[in-house]
Amino acid sequence: MMKRRGILAAAITATAAVALSGCAFGGGAPAAGGGQALKADGNATGTITIWSWDVAATALKRLGADYEKAHKGTTIKVVDIGYDNAYDKISVGLQAGTGLPDLITLETDHDQSYITKFPKGFTDLSPVLGAHKADFDPFKWSAGTDKGGALRMAPWDSGTVGLYYRTDYFQTAGVDPSSVKTWDDLVAAGETIKAKTGKTLLTADLSAGGPFSMLLQQQGQGLFDSKGDITVNSPQAVKVLTLLQTMQQKGLIKNAKGWDASVTSAKDGDSAVTAEAVWWIGTLESEAKELSGSYGVRDLPVFSAGDAPTSNNGGSGLAIPSQAKNPQLAADFLSYVLANGDNQSSMMQKEGLFPAYLPALKSGFFQQGDPYFGGHKAFQTFAELTPKIPSITFTSDQSAASDAVANAVGAAVLNGADPKKALDDAAQQIATSTGRKIAG
């Protein structure tokens, strides 16, 4: 969702894992299907309370005021619960079966953890948004859907990934960015750039796994397969870790631990490229104004033909707890916010939330050139990439897998361990701690 979410994910999921430990809870649902049956009529009245944080809360407050004006007899109360305690509060409310509001914000990588742990905790949103399924980022829709096909978490914003690159470094090194088709091409370009400019190729937070998961997803795979089996040691995963190890061995990675270090590295111009989500635009334009005109953005290089030219990092959705007091008004407002091109576009322009609702990406705003990127239509690049994000499987053991993968990245990239062995060890660690099978 917000600019820090990709960098902070590892620390966040550790907290969420504690909150979500234990067996599956019903979440105090009034019905086996998870909440009251909803309609897509937009005529509900009364009051709803929404939990969110940061710019997401700002957007909901703004649109809530607009909704109240257009729908007499409604009151939209948005409570900014703060990010640090959000998941603890949500988890406690689900376990207790009481205390939650009518609408909550959830980040996409938390969806399946909550859906699995609290199978009766959320209302089915299919009657409200089902007719619009084709209009949403397919990856986000898949991530918010339970095993029975019911939509429990509605897509809000996407974390579409592209390759940000320093045009001046490429020019000085005599490398044409458009000639880079594969990751091997990029490594070769990085060696030339380092020789000509002294700059590293890529800045990454290796303690959090670096871009491992993003590069795995662009090959159509996550840390688990559709059966919930462990895939962190698949051939695709080994390919990613081998790439990162090669970059490190060639001196092409700048290791920046944490969000602040990553931003500082960009400001200092340490590296030629950053593989990151669309929200990185906001970070650059706010934190590195002096670099305006020095950046380009494009699709990701691929490992081989058939790979997606993008991935995902971050993004969020909205869910209606089954204990909601006014679920129909919550559903009407959710549809107003998420399935409306003008409203979704306005949240990009005012709060920096990149739409998961594809029709919004056709608005004029996304076709404009951005002076920061030398007039290039940066948002159009991401708009074209968003429908191409591969869908992958998330499970309730996502945080345990992420921690094990981060350790494997450290072992192979920083300490020189064999990538296959490091990932085999990670897979066994996950299997031991979760009871899941290793795929294959």
Foldseek 3Di string as FASTA:
>chain_A
DADAQQQCVLVVVVVLLVLLDDAAAQLLFPDPQAADDAAQDLQDADEWEEEDADLVLVLCVVVQVVSCVVHPRYHYHYDHPDDVCQSNQVSVNSRVSDDDTFKYKDKLLCQFLNCRRHVRWFHFLCNHCVVQCVQFLVQSQVSQADPVGTRFWAFFFFFKKWKKFFPVLCVQLVHDPVVQAALVSQLVSQLSSCVRPVAAAEEFALLQPTCLQWQLQLQQEGQAAPVRAGCCLPPSSLVSLVSLQVSLVSVRYDHQHGDVSVLVCVLVVRHGIYTTTPSVVVSCVVSRVVQQQRMAIAFAHHNDPPGASIATRMGMTMTGTSSYPRNHNVSSVRCVQQVDLVNSLVCCVPSNGHHSRLVVCPDPVQVWFDRSNVRHSVSNNSSVRSNRHRHYDHHSCNSLLSNLSSVLSCCCRVVNDNSSVSSVVSSVSSCVVPVHHHDD
